[in-house]
PDB file of N, CA and C in Angstrom:
ATOM      1  N   UNK A   1     122.971 119.208 109.044  1.00  0.00           N
ATOM      2  CA  UNK A   1     121.531 119.000 109.131  1.00  0.00           C
ATOM      3  C   UNK A   1     120.867 120.366 109.238  1.00  0.00           C
ATOM      4  N   UNK A   2     119.714 120.517 108.628  1.00  0.00           N
ATOM      5  CA  UNK A   2     119.035 121.801 108.682  1.00  0.00           C
ATOM      6  C   UNK A   2     118.345 121.984 110.017  1.00  0.00           C
ATOM      7  N   UNK A   3     118.144 123.226 110.371  1.00  0.00           N
ATOM      8  CA  UNK A   3     117.525 123.577 111.638  1.00  0.00           C
ATOM      9  C   UNK A   3     116.362 124.507 111.339  1.00  0.00           C
ATOM     10  N   UNK A   4     115.147 124.022 111.498  1.00  0.00           N
ATOM     11  CA  UNK A   4     113.970 124.826 111.194  1.00  0.00           C
ATOM     12  C   UNK A   4     113.595 125.695 112.376  1.00  0.00           C
ATOM     13  N   UNK A   5     113.163 126.854 112.050  1.00  0.00           N
ATOM     14  CA  UNK A   5     112.665 127.765 113.075  1.00  0.00           C
ATOM     15  C   UNK A   5     111.218 128.084 112.717  1.00  0.00           C
ATOM     16  N   UNK A   6     110.285 127.413 113.362  1.00  0.00           N
ATOM     17  CA  UNK A   6     108.870 127.558 113.037  1.00  0.00           C
ATOM     18  C   UNK A   6     108.334 128.959 113.309  1.00  0.00           C
ATOM     19  N   UNK A   7     108.906 129.645 114.306  1.00  0.00           N
ATOM     20  CA  UNK A   7     108.397 130.964 114.649  1.00  0.00           C
ATOM     21  C   UNK A   7     108.567 131.949 113.497  1.00  0.00           C
ATOM     22  N   UNK A   8     109.670 131.852 112.796  1.00  0.00           N
ATOM     23  CA  UNK A   8     109.976 132.800 111.738  1.00  0.00           C
ATOM     24  C   UNK A   8     109.928 132.161 110.360  1.00  0.00           C
ATOM     25  N   UNK A   9     109.554 130.890 110.288  1.00  0.00           N
ATOM     26  CA  UNK A   9     109.462 130.147 109.029  1.00  0.00           C
ATOM     27  C   UNK A   9     110.748 130.266 108.213  1.00  0.00           C
ATOM     28  N   UNK A  10     111.852 129.951 108.844  1.00  0.00           N
ATOM     29  CA  UNK A  10     113.146 129.907 108.171  1.00  0.00           C
ATOM     30  C   UNK A  10     113.809 128.577 108.489  1.00  0.00           C
ATOM     31  N   UNK A  11     114.690 128.161 107.613  1.00  0.00           N
ATOM     32  CA  UNK A  11     115.481 126.958 107.825  1.00  0.00           C
ATOM     33  C   UNK A  11     116.945 127.324 107.658  1.00  0.00           C
ATOM     34  N   UNK A  12     117.712 127.043 108.667  1.00  0.00           N
ATOM     35  CA  UNK A  12     119.150 127.265 108.584  1.00  0.00           C
ATOM     36  C   UNK A  12     119.769 126.018 107.955  1.00  0.00           C
ATOM     37  N   UNK A  13     120.379 126.193 106.773  1.00  0.00           N
ATOM     38  CA  UNK A  13     120.996 125.075 106.064  1.00  0.00           C
ATOM     39  C   UNK A  13     122.507 125.190 106.171  1.00  0.00           C
ATOM     40  N   UNK A  14     123.176 124.043 106.193  1.00  0.00           N
ATOM     41  CA  UNK A  14     124.632 124.106 106.171  1.00  0.00           C
ATOM     42  C   UNK A  14     125.080 124.439 104.745  1.00  0.00           C
ATOM     43  N   UNK A  15     126.336 124.829 104.623  1.00  0.00           N
ATOM     44  CA  UNK A  15     126.858 125.285 103.331  1.00  0.00           C
ATOM     45  C   UNK A  15     126.753 124.215 102.255  1.00  0.00           C
ATOM     46  N   UNK A  16     126.964 122.951 102.635  1.00  0.00           N
ATOM     47  CA  UNK A  16     126.910 121.864 101.657  1.00  0.00           C
ATOM     48  C   UNK A  16     125.496 121.696 101.098  1.00  0.00           C
ATOM     49  N   UNK A  17     124.493 121.719 101.981  1.00  0.00           N
ATOM     50  CA  UNK A  17     123.097 121.604 101.528  1.00  0.00           C
ATOM     51  C   UNK A  17     122.737 122.771 100.613  1.00  0.00           C
ATOM     52  N   UNK A  18     123.074 123.979 101.055  1.00  0.00           N
ATOM     53  CA  UNK A  18     122.737 125.175 100.272  1.00  0.00           C
ATOM     54  C   UNK A  18     123.390 125.111  98.892  1.00  0.00           C
ATOM     55  N   UNK A  19     124.666 124.723  98.859  1.00  0.00           N
ATOM     56  CA  UNK A  19     125.386 124.654  97.589  1.00  0.00           C
ATOM     57  C   UNK A  19     124.757 123.628  96.653  1.00  0.00           C
ATOM     58  N   UNK A  20     124.409 122.476  97.198  1.00  0.00           N
ATOM     59  CA  UNK A  20     123.799 121.420  96.377  1.00  0.00           C
ATOM     60  C   UNK A  20     122.471 121.887  95.783  1.00  0.00           C
ATOM     61  N   UNK A  21     121.638 122.521  96.612  1.00  0.00           N
ATOM     62  CA  UNK A  21     120.348 123.016  96.124  1.00  0.00           C
ATOM     63  C   UNK A  21     120.528 124.154  95.119  1.00  0.00           C
ATOM     64  N   UNK A  22     121.454 125.057  95.392  1.00  0.00           N
ATOM     65  CA  UNK A  22     121.710 126.166  94.473  1.00  0.00           C
ATOM     66  C   UNK A  22     122.228 125.656  93.128  1.00  0.00           C
ATOM     67  N   UNK A  23     123.078 124.643  93.149  1.00  0.00           N
ATOM     68  CA  UNK A  23     123.580 124.057  91.896  1.00  0.00           C
ATOM     69  C   UNK A  23     122.438 123.470  91.075  1.00  0.00           C
ATOM     70  N   UNK A  24     121.531 122.784  91.753  1.00  0.00           N
ATOM     71  CA  UNK A  24     120.383 122.222  91.038  1.00  0.00           C
ATOM     72  C   UNK A  24     119.549 123.335  90.396  1.00  0.00           C
ATOM     73  N   UNK A  25     119.319 124.422  91.132  1.00  0.00           N
ATOM     74  CA  UNK A  25     118.537 125.533  90.593  1.00  0.00           C
ATOM     75  C   UNK A  25     119.266 126.226  89.444  1.00  0.00           C
ATOM     76  N   UNK A  26     120.570 126.343  89.541  1.00  0.00           N
ATOM     77  CA  UNK A  26     121.342 126.962  88.456  1.00  0.00           C
ATOM     78  C   UNK A  26     121.239 126.134  87.177  1.00  0.00           C
ATOM     79  N   UNK A  27     121.323 124.807  87.313  1.00  0.00           N
ATOM     80  CA  UNK A  27     121.160 123.949  86.133  1.00  0.00           C
ATOM     81  C   UNK A  27     119.759 124.093  85.556  1.00  0.00           C
ATOM     82  N   UNK A  28     118.779 124.180  86.433  1.00  0.00           N
ATOM     83  CA  UNK A  28     117.397 124.341  85.980  1.00  0.00           C
ATOM     84  C   UNK A  28     117.219 125.671  85.251  1.00  0.00           C
ATOM     85  N   UNK A  29     117.815 126.729  85.777  1.00  0.00           N
ATOM     86  CA  UNK A  29     117.753 128.032  85.094  1.00  0.00           C
ATOM     87  C   UNK A  29     118.332 127.928  83.692  1.00  0.00           C
ATOM     88  N   UNK A  30     119.453 127.226  83.574  1.00  0.00           N
ATOM     89  CA  UNK A  30     120.071 127.042  82.265  1.00  0.00           C
ATOM     90  C   UNK A  30     119.162 126.283  81.315  1.00  0.00           C
ATOM     91  N   UNK A  31     118.483 125.267  81.837  1.00  0.00           N
ATOM     92  CA  UNK A  31     117.551 124.507  80.998  1.00  0.00           C
ATOM     93  C   UNK A  31     116.401 125.394  80.530  1.00  0.00           C
ATOM     94  N   UNK A  32     115.870 126.218  81.417  1.00  0.00           N
ATOM     95  CA  UNK A  32     114.755 127.103  81.042  1.00  0.00           C
ATOM     96  C   UNK A  32     115.216 128.115  79.998  1.00  0.00           C
ATOM     97  N   UNK A  33     116.405 128.686  80.175  1.00  0.00           N
ATOM     98  CA  UNK A  33     116.934 129.622  79.169  1.00  0.00           C
ATOM     99  C   UNK A  33     117.085 128.918  77.819  1.00  0.00           C
ATOM    100  N   UNK A  34     117.541 127.654  77.863  1.00  0.00           N
ATOM    101  CA  UNK A  34     117.679 126.891  76.629  1.00  0.00           C
ATOM    102  C   UNK A  34     116.337 126.660  75.944  1.00  0.00           C
ATOM    103  N   UNK A  35     115.311 126.379  76.730  1.00  0.00           N
ATOM    104  CA  UNK A  35     113.965 126.183  76.166  1.00  0.00           C
ATOM    105  C   UNK A  35     113.468 127.478  75.539  1.00  0.00           C
ATOM    106  N   UNK A  36     113.668 128.597  76.219  1.00  0.00           N
ATOM    107  CA  UNK A  36     113.260 129.895  75.670  1.00  0.00           C
ATOM    108  C   UNK A  36     113.978 130.165  74.348  1.00  0.00           C
ATOM    109  N   UNK A  37     115.274 129.866  74.310  1.00  0.00           N
ATOM    110  CA  UNK A  37     116.055 130.082  73.094  1.00  0.00           C
ATOM    111  C   UNK A  37     115.528 129.190  71.969  1.00  0.00           C
ATOM    112  N   UNK A  38     115.203 127.945  72.303  1.00  0.00           N
ATOM    113  CA  UNK A  38     114.652 127.042  71.296  1.00  0.00           C
ATOM    114  C   UNK A  38     113.354 127.604  70.726  1.00  0.00           C
ATOM    115  N   UNK A  39     112.518 128.143  71.586  1.00  0.00           N
ATOM    116  CA  UNK A  39     111.253 128.711  71.145  1.00  0.00           C
ATOM    117  C   UNK A  39     111.495 129.926  70.250  1.00  0.00           C
ATOM    118  N   UNK A  40     112.422 130.779  70.667  1.00  0.00           N
ATOM    119  CA  UNK A  40     112.754 131.966  69.868  1.00  0.00           C
ATOM    120  C   UNK A  40     113.298 131.589  68.499  1.00  0.00           C
ATOM    121  N   UNK A  41     113.982 130.457  68.429  1.00  0.00           N
ATOM    122  CA  UNK A  41     114.585 130.005  67.176  1.00  0.00           C
ATOM    123  C   UNK A  41     113.677 129.059  66.401  1.00  0.00           C
ATOM    124  N   UNK A  42     112.415 128.979  66.817  1.00  0.00           N
ATOM    125  CA  UNK A  42     111.417 128.147  66.149  1.00  0.00           C
ATOM    126  C   UNK A  42     111.830 126.674  66.044  1.00  0.00           C
ATOM    127  N   UNK A  43     112.395 126.157  67.126  1.00  0.00           N
ATOM    128  CA  UNK A  43     112.778 124.741  67.152  1.00  0.00           C
ATOM    129  C   UNK A  43     111.527 123.875  67.017  1.00  0.00           C
ATOM    130  N   UNK A  44     111.743 122.663  66.594  1.00  0.00           N
ATOM    131  CA  UNK A  44     110.664 121.702  66.405  1.00  0.00           C
ATOM    132  C   UNK A  44     109.982 121.420  67.754  1.00  0.00           C
ATOM    133  N   UNK A  45     108.657 121.344  67.734  1.00  0.00           N
ATOM    134  CA  UNK A  45     107.860 121.171  68.962  1.00  0.00           C
ATOM    135  C   UNK A  45     108.344 120.002  69.822  1.00  0.00           C
ATOM    136  N   UNK A  46     108.589 118.874  69.192  1.00  0.00           N
ATOM    137  CA  UNK A  46     109.002 117.689  69.942  1.00  0.00           C
ATOM    138  C   UNK A  46     110.312 117.928  70.669  1.00  0.00           C
ATOM    139  N   UNK A  47     111.248 118.628  70.027  1.00  0.00           N
ATOM    140  CA  UNK A  47     112.525 118.920  70.669  1.00  0.00           C
ATOM    141  C   UNK A  47     112.333 119.799  71.899  1.00  0.00           C
ATOM    142  N   UNK A  48     111.437 120.779  71.794  1.00  0.00           N
ATOM    143  CA  UNK A  48     111.152 121.647  72.936  1.00  0.00           C
ATOM    144  C   UNK A  48     110.487 120.845  74.046  1.00  0.00           C
ATOM    145  N   UNK A  49     109.557 119.978  73.691  1.00  0.00           N
ATOM    146  CA  UNK A  49     108.870 119.162  74.693  1.00  0.00           C
ATOM    147  C   UNK A  49     109.837 118.257  75.435  1.00  0.00           C
ATOM    148  N   UNK A  50     110.803 117.697  74.737  1.00  0.00           N
ATOM    149  CA  UNK A  50     111.795 116.837  75.388  1.00  0.00           C
ATOM    150  C   UNK A  50     112.603 117.653  76.396  1.00  0.00           C
ATOM    151  N   UNK A  51     113.002 118.846  76.005  1.00  0.00           N
ATOM    152  CA  UNK A  51     113.756 119.702  76.933  1.00  0.00           C
ATOM    153  C   UNK A  51     112.892 120.158  78.101  1.00  0.00           C
ATOM    154  N   UNK A  52     111.623 120.416  77.843  1.00  0.00           N
ATOM    155  CA  UNK A  52     110.702 120.803  78.907  1.00  0.00           C
ATOM    156  C   UNK A  52     110.526 119.659  79.907  1.00  0.00           C
ATOM    157  N   UNK A  53     110.435 118.445  79.412  1.00  0.00           N
ATOM    158  CA  UNK A  53     110.321 117.279  80.297  1.00  0.00           C
ATOM    159  C   UNK A  53     111.586 117.127  81.137  1.00  0.00           C
ATOM    160  N   UNK A  54     112.744 117.404  80.550  1.00  0.00           N
ATOM    161  CA  UNK A  54     114.000 117.325  81.301  1.00  0.00           C
ATOM    162  C   UNK A  54     114.029 118.387  82.403  1.00  0.00           C
ATOM    163  N   UNK A  55     113.530 119.585  82.109  1.00  0.00           N
ATOM    164  CA  UNK A  55     113.477 120.646  83.117  1.00  0.00           C
ATOM    165  C   UNK A  55     112.508 120.271  84.232  1.00  0.00           C
ATOM    166  N   UNK A  56     111.403 119.670  83.868  1.00  0.00           N
ATOM    167  CA  UNK A  56     110.432 119.226  84.861  1.00  0.00           C
ATOM    168  C   UNK A  56     111.049 118.164  85.773  1.00  0.00           C
ATOM    169  N   UNK A  57     111.796 117.240  85.189  1.00  0.00           N
ATOM    170  CA  UNK A  57     112.470 116.210  85.976  1.00  0.00           C
ATOM    171  C   UNK A  57     113.508 116.848  86.905  1.00  0.00           C
ATOM    172  N   UNK A  58     114.202 117.871  86.424  1.00  0.00           N
ATOM    173  CA  UNK A  58     115.202 118.562  87.249  1.00  0.00           C
ATOM    174  C   UNK A  58     114.528 119.265  88.427  1.00  0.00           C
ATOM    175  N   UNK A  59     113.372 119.867  88.199  1.00  0.00           N
ATOM    176  CA  UNK A  59     112.643 120.518  89.287  1.00  0.00           C
ATOM    177  C   UNK A  59     112.148 119.480  90.291  1.00  0.00           C
ATOM    178  N   UNK A  60     111.694 118.338  89.805  1.00  0.00           N
ATOM    179  CA  UNK A  60     111.281 117.257  90.709  1.00  0.00           C
ATOM    180  C   UNK A  60     112.454 116.768  91.552  1.00  0.00           C
ATOM    181  N   UNK A  61     113.636 116.684  90.948  1.00  0.00           N
ATOM    182  CA  UNK A  61     114.823 116.263  91.692  1.00  0.00           C
ATOM    183  C   UNK A  61     115.164 117.286  92.774  1.00  0.00           C
ATOM    184  N   UNK A  62     115.032 118.567  92.452  1.00  0.00           N
ATOM    185  CA  UNK A  62     115.240 119.617  93.452  1.00  0.00           C
ATOM    186  C   UNK A  62     114.250 119.450  94.603  1.00  0.00           C
ATOM    187  N   UNK A  63     112.979 119.244  94.270  1.00  0.00           N
ATOM    188  CA  UNK A  63     111.951 119.072  95.301  1.00  0.00           C
ATOM    189  C   UNK A  63     112.220 117.850  96.177  1.00  0.00           C
ATOM    190  N   UNK A  64     112.646 116.745  95.577  1.00  0.00           N
ATOM    191  CA  UNK A  64     112.959 115.545  96.354  1.00  0.00           C
ATOM    192  C   UNK A  64     114.104 115.809  97.323  1.00  0.00           C
ATOM    193  N   UNK A  65     115.126 116.490  96.847  1.00  0.00           N
ATOM    194  CA  UNK A  65     116.282 116.809  97.691  1.00  0.00           C
ATOM    195  C   UNK A  65     115.861 117.699  98.862  1.00  0.00           C
ATOM    196  N   UNK A  66     115.102 118.745  98.562  1.00  0.00           N
ATOM    197  CA  UNK A  66     114.656 119.673  99.599  1.00  0.00           C
ATOM    198  C   UNK A  66     113.721 118.984 100.584  1.00  0.00           C
ATOM    199  N   UNK A  67     112.809 118.163 100.079  1.00  0.00           N
ATOM    200  CA  UNK A  67     111.888 117.441 100.954  1.00  0.00           C
ATOM    201  C   UNK A  67     112.639 116.461 101.852  1.00  0.00           C
ATOM    202  N   UNK A  68     113.609 115.764 101.296  1.00  0.00           N
ATOM    203  CA  UNK A  68     114.413 114.845 102.097  1.00  0.00           C
ATOM    204  C   UNK A  68     115.142 115.579 103.214  1.00  0.00           C
ATOM    205  N   UNK A  69     115.729 116.723 102.884  1.00  0.00           N
ATOM    206  CA  UNK A  69     116.400 117.538 103.902  1.00  0.00           C
ATOM    207  C   UNK A  69     115.410 117.972 104.979  1.00  0.00           C
ATOM    208  N   UNK A  70     114.221 118.355 104.553  1.00  0.00           N
ATOM    209  CA  UNK A  70     113.189 118.822 105.485  1.00  0.00           C
ATOM    210  C   UNK A  70     112.782 117.705 106.449  1.00  0.00           C
ATOM    211  N   UNK A  71     112.567 116.513 105.909  1.00  0.00           N
ATOM    212  CA  UNK A  71     112.147 115.386 106.750  1.00  0.00           C
ATOM    213  C   UNK A  71     113.266 114.985 107.710  1.00  0.00           C
ATOM    214  N   UNK A  72     114.503 114.851 107.187  1.00  0.00           N
ATOM    215  CA  UNK A  72     115.626 114.444 108.036  1.00  0.00           C
ATOM    216  C   UNK A  72     115.976 115.496 109.080  1.00  0.00           C
ATOM    217  N   UNK A  73     115.726 116.758 108.776  1.00  0.00           N
ATOM    218  CA  UNK A  73     116.088 117.834 109.692  1.00  0.00           C
ATOM    219  C   UNK A  73     114.909 118.355 110.473  1.00  0.00           C
ATOM    220  N   UNK A  74     114.129 119.205 109.854  1.00  0.00           N
ATOM    221  CA  UNK A  74     113.026 119.907 110.516  1.00  0.00           C
ATOM    222  C   UNK A  74     112.015 118.950 111.150  1.00  0.00           C
ATOM    223  N   UNK A  75     111.509 118.032 110.358  1.00  0.00           N
ATOM    224  CA  UNK A  75     110.452 117.136 110.837  1.00  0.00           C
ATOM    225  C   UNK A  75     110.982 116.230 111.946  1.00  0.00           C
ATOM    226  N   UNK A  76     112.137 115.609 111.725  1.00  0.00           N
ATOM    227  CA  UNK A  76     112.701 114.711 112.735  1.00  0.00           C
ATOM    228  C   UNK A  76     112.970 115.452 114.040  1.00  0.00           C
ATOM    229  N   UNK A  77     113.535 116.658 113.948  1.00  0.00           N
ATOM    230  CA  UNK A  77     113.807 117.436 115.162  1.00  0.00           C
ATOM    231  C   UNK A  77     112.527 117.785 115.912  1.00  0.00           C
ATOM    232  N   UNK A  78     111.506 118.212 115.171  1.00  0.00           N
ATOM    233  CA  UNK A  78     110.240 118.564 115.824  1.00  0.00           C
ATOM    234  C   UNK A  78     109.605 117.354 116.507  1.00  0.00           C
ATOM    235  N   UNK A  79     109.655 116.202 115.865  1.00  0.00           N
ATOM    236  CA  UNK A  79     109.090 114.992 116.469  1.00  0.00           C
ATOM    237  C   UNK A  79     109.861 114.627 117.733  1.00  0.00           C
ATOM    238  N   UNK A  80     111.192 114.708 117.671  1.00  0.00           N
ATOM    239  CA  UNK A  80     112.004 114.424 118.862  1.00  0.00           C
ATOM    240  C   UNK A  80     111.655 115.360 120.017  1.00  0.00           C
ATOM    241  N   UNK A  81     111.265 116.594 119.677  1.00  0.00           N
ATOM    242  CA  UNK A  81     110.920 117.577 120.708  1.00  0.00           C
ATOM    243  C   UNK A  81     109.453 117.482 121.125  1.00  0.00           C
ATOM    244  N   UNK A  82     108.733 116.487 120.598  1.00  0.00           N
ATOM    245  CA  UNK A  82     107.349 116.272 120.989  1.00  0.00           C
ATOM    246  C   UNK A  82     106.335 117.073 120.195  1.00  0.00           C
ATOM    247  N   UNK A  83     106.751 117.719 119.140  1.00  0.00           N
ATOM    248  CA  UNK A  83     105.844 118.520 118.309  1.00  0.00           C
ATOM    249  C   UNK A  83     105.303 117.656 117.171  1.00  0.00           C
ATOM    250  N   UNK A  84     104.296 116.846 117.499  1.00  0.00           N
ATOM    251  CA  UNK A  84     103.719 115.945 116.498  1.00  0.00           C
ATOM    252  C   UNK A  84     102.874 116.665 115.452  1.00  0.00           C
ATOM    253  N   UNK A  85     102.557 117.940 115.665  1.00  0.00           N
ATOM    254  CA  UNK A  85     101.787 118.700 114.667  1.00  0.00           C
ATOM    255  C   UNK A  85     102.558 118.827 113.361  1.00  0.00           C
ATOM    256  N   UNK A  86     103.868 118.677 113.441  1.00  0.00           N
ATOM    257  CA  UNK A  86     104.689 118.778 112.242  1.00  0.00           C
ATOM    258  C   UNK A  86     104.299 117.697 111.229  1.00  0.00           C
ATOM    259  N   UNK A  87     103.742 116.594 111.700  1.00  0.00           N
ATOM    260  CA  UNK A  87     103.308 115.523 110.794  1.00  0.00           C
ATOM    261  C   UNK A  87     102.169 116.011 109.909  1.00  0.00           C
ATOM    262  N   UNK A  88     101.219 116.739 110.494  1.00  0.00           N
ATOM    263  CA  UNK A  88     100.131 117.302 109.694  1.00  0.00           C
ATOM    264  C   UNK A  88     100.662 118.321 108.688  1.00  0.00           C
ATOM    265  N   UNK A  89     101.635 119.126 109.108  1.00  0.00           N
ATOM    266  CA  UNK A  89     102.252 120.084 108.185  1.00  0.00           C
ATOM    267  C   UNK A  89     102.932 119.363 107.032  1.00  0.00           C
ATOM    268  N   UNK A  90     103.631 118.266 107.344  1.00  0.00           N
ATOM    269  CA  UNK A  90     104.292 117.487 106.310  1.00  0.00           C
ATOM    270  C   UNK A  90     103.265 116.892 105.343  1.00  0.00           C
ATOM    271  N   UNK A  91     102.186 116.361 105.875  1.00  0.00           N
ATOM    272  CA  UNK A  91     101.136 115.803 105.008  1.00  0.00           C
ATOM    273  C   UNK A  91     100.528 116.875 104.117  1.00  0.00           C
ATOM    274  N   UNK A  92     100.291 118.054 104.654  1.00  0.00           N
ATOM    275  CA  UNK A  92      99.773 119.163 103.835  1.00  0.00           C
ATOM    276  C   UNK A  92     100.736 119.483 102.695  1.00  0.00           C
ATOM    277  N   UNK A  93     102.020 119.495 103.016  1.00  0.00           N
ATOM    278  CA  UNK A  93     103.032 119.773 101.992  1.00  0.00           C
ATOM    279  C   UNK A  93     103.023 118.689 100.925  1.00  0.00           C
ATOM    280  N   UNK A  94     102.961 117.434 101.343  1.00  0.00           N
ATOM    281  CA  UNK A  94     102.936 116.330 100.384  1.00  0.00           C
ATOM    282  C   UNK A  94     101.703 116.397  99.495  1.00  0.00           C
ATOM    283  N   UNK A  95     100.554 116.736 100.061  1.00  0.00           N
ATOM    284  CA  UNK A  95      99.338 116.868  99.258  1.00  0.00           C
ATOM    285  C   UNK A  95      99.509 117.953  98.210  1.00  0.00           C
ATOM    286  N   UNK A  96     100.123 119.071  98.579  1.00  0.00           N
ATOM    287  CA  UNK A  96     100.359 120.162  97.617  1.00  0.00           C
ATOM    288  C   UNK A  96     101.308 119.728  96.504  1.00  0.00           C
ATOM    289  N   UNK A  97     102.322 118.965  96.867  1.00  0.00           N
ATOM    290  CA  UNK A  97     103.291 118.505  95.864  1.00  0.00           C
ATOM    291  C   UNK A  97     102.692 117.492  94.902  1.00  0.00           C
ATOM    292  N   UNK A  98     101.665 116.782  95.365  1.00  0.00           N
ATOM    293  CA  UNK A  98     101.089 115.715  94.550  1.00  0.00           C
ATOM    294  C   UNK A  98      99.912 116.170  93.699  1.00  0.00           C
ATOM    295  N   UNK A  99      99.605 117.426  93.698  1.00  0.00           N
ATOM    296  CA  UNK A  99      98.481 117.935  92.882  1.00  0.00           C
ATOM    297  C   UNK A  99      98.759 117.756  91.412  1.00  0.00           C
TER     298      UNK A  99
END
């Protein structure tokens, strides 16, 4: 479970969480490189758009994973410790994600 430190705005993640998130980002990097290559090679617009949508979905999956970790770890721990202000922080984050 992650351990948030509000004073320094850091989250200590276990190796499994970090590896899972890093793997998702590595796949996303590969997708972006592929899109750039398609553009350089004058690929058909629709083909690029399909790959761009896949990259967008991959980024959304990364965000869902990170948000879930944040809620299960940081937010839950803060609420247990009586820090209900974390709920407002979570809502602010959700509003930003939903723009």
